[in-house]
């Protein structure tokens, strides 16, 4: 399943996620801090959706109430619906 998630409150504007059998296959962030987001994408590849959410949900960026990793979790929660 492929998800295109429009972020809110972050420098990145869109997250493209591909999940197969509950495992993250690919993640691409559009906009944001390129090096950091490439790192996050590489680290979560091959992880289960549940593991990604348990590790990254709630992370904040500076004084913002969210972050790119937190927005990734919001995108992954869409799979639960």
Protein backbone atom coordinates (compact mmCIF):
# COMPACT_ATOMS: atom_id res chain seq x y z
CA UNK A 1 0.00 0.00 0.00
CA UNK A 2 1.26 3.45 -0.88
CA UNK A 3 0.40 6.51 1.21
CA UNK A 4 0.90 10.14 0.23
CA UNK A 5 0.60 12.21 3.40
CA UNK A 6 0.55 16.02 3.44
CA UNK A 7 2.41 17.08 6.57
CA UNK A 8 1.37 19.79 9.01
CA UNK A 9 3.71 21.92 11.09
CA UNK A 10 7.00 20.74 9.57
CA UNK A 11 9.49 21.90 6.94
CA UNK A 12 8.74 18.84 4.82
CA UNK A 13 5.54 19.17 2.83
CA UNK A 14 4.75 15.59 1.83
CA UNK A 15 5.69 12.06 2.86
CA UNK A 16 5.41 9.16 0.43
CA UNK A 17 5.34 5.80 2.22
CA UNK A 18 5.12 2.29 0.85
CA UNK A 19 4.14 -0.51 3.25
CA UNK A 20 3.79 -4.19 2.43
CA UNK A 21 2.51 -6.78 4.93
CA UNK A 22 2.97 -4.35 7.82
CA UNK A 23 6.63 -3.61 6.93
CA UNK A 24 7.90 -0.26 5.67
CA UNK A 25 9.41 -0.71 2.19
CA UNK A 26 10.17 2.90 1.19
CA UNK A 27 9.85 6.41 2.64
CA UNK A 28 10.45 9.66 0.76
CA UNK A 29 10.12 13.10 2.33
CA UNK A 30 9.49 16.07 0.04
CA UNK A 31 11.13 19.19 1.46
CA UNK A 32 12.72 19.49 4.86
CA UNK A 33 16.27 18.69 6.03
CA UNK A 34 17.43 16.41 3.25
CA UNK A 35 20.27 14.60 5.02
CA UNK A 36 18.35 13.95 8.23
CA UNK A 37 15.27 12.78 6.36
CA UNK A 38 17.31 10.44 4.16
CA UNK A 39 18.72 8.99 7.38
CA UNK A 40 15.28 8.48 8.90
CA UNK A 41 14.08 6.87 5.68
CA UNK A 42 17.02 4.46 5.64
CA UNK A 43 16.60 3.56 9.31
CA UNK A 44 12.88 2.76 9.14
CA UNK A 45 13.13 0.73 5.93
CA UNK A 46 12.43 -2.90 6.84
CA UNK A 47 10.88 -2.02 10.21
CA UNK A 48 7.32 -2.94 11.09
CA UNK A 49 4.81 -0.13 11.18
CA UNK A 50 4.28 -0.77 14.89
CA UNK A 51 8.01 -0.46 15.64
CA UNK A 52 8.30 2.80 13.72
CA UNK A 53 5.34 4.27 15.57
CA UNK A 54 6.56 3.11 18.98
CA UNK A 55 10.00 4.65 18.44
CA UNK A 56 9.20 7.91 16.64
CA UNK A 57 5.73 9.05 17.66
CA UNK A 58 5.69 12.22 19.75
CA UNK A 59 9.15 13.49 18.78
CA UNK A 60 9.16 17.26 18.60
CA UNK A 61 11.27 19.63 16.51
CA UNK A 62 12.47 22.63 18.51
CA UNK A 63 9.45 24.39 19.96
CA UNK A 64 7.06 22.81 17.48
CA UNK A 65 4.49 20.30 18.73
CA UNK A 66 5.48 17.82 15.97
CA UNK A 67 8.40 16.79 13.74
CA UNK A 68 9.00 14.95 10.49
CA UNK A 69 9.35 11.59 12.32
CA UNK A 70 6.11 12.31 14.21
CA UNK A 71 4.37 13.18 10.94
CA UNK A 72 5.59 9.87 9.49
CA UNK A 73 3.80 8.15 12.36
CA UNK A 74 0.61 10.07 11.61
CA UNK A 75 0.87 8.84 8.01
CA UNK A 76 1.36 5.26 9.20
CA UNK A 77 -1.68 5.53 11.49
CA UNK A 78 -3.74 6.00 8.31
CA UNK A 79 -3.16 2.29 7.66
CA UNK A 80 -5.14 1.46 10.78
CA UNK A 81 -8.30 3.06 9.39
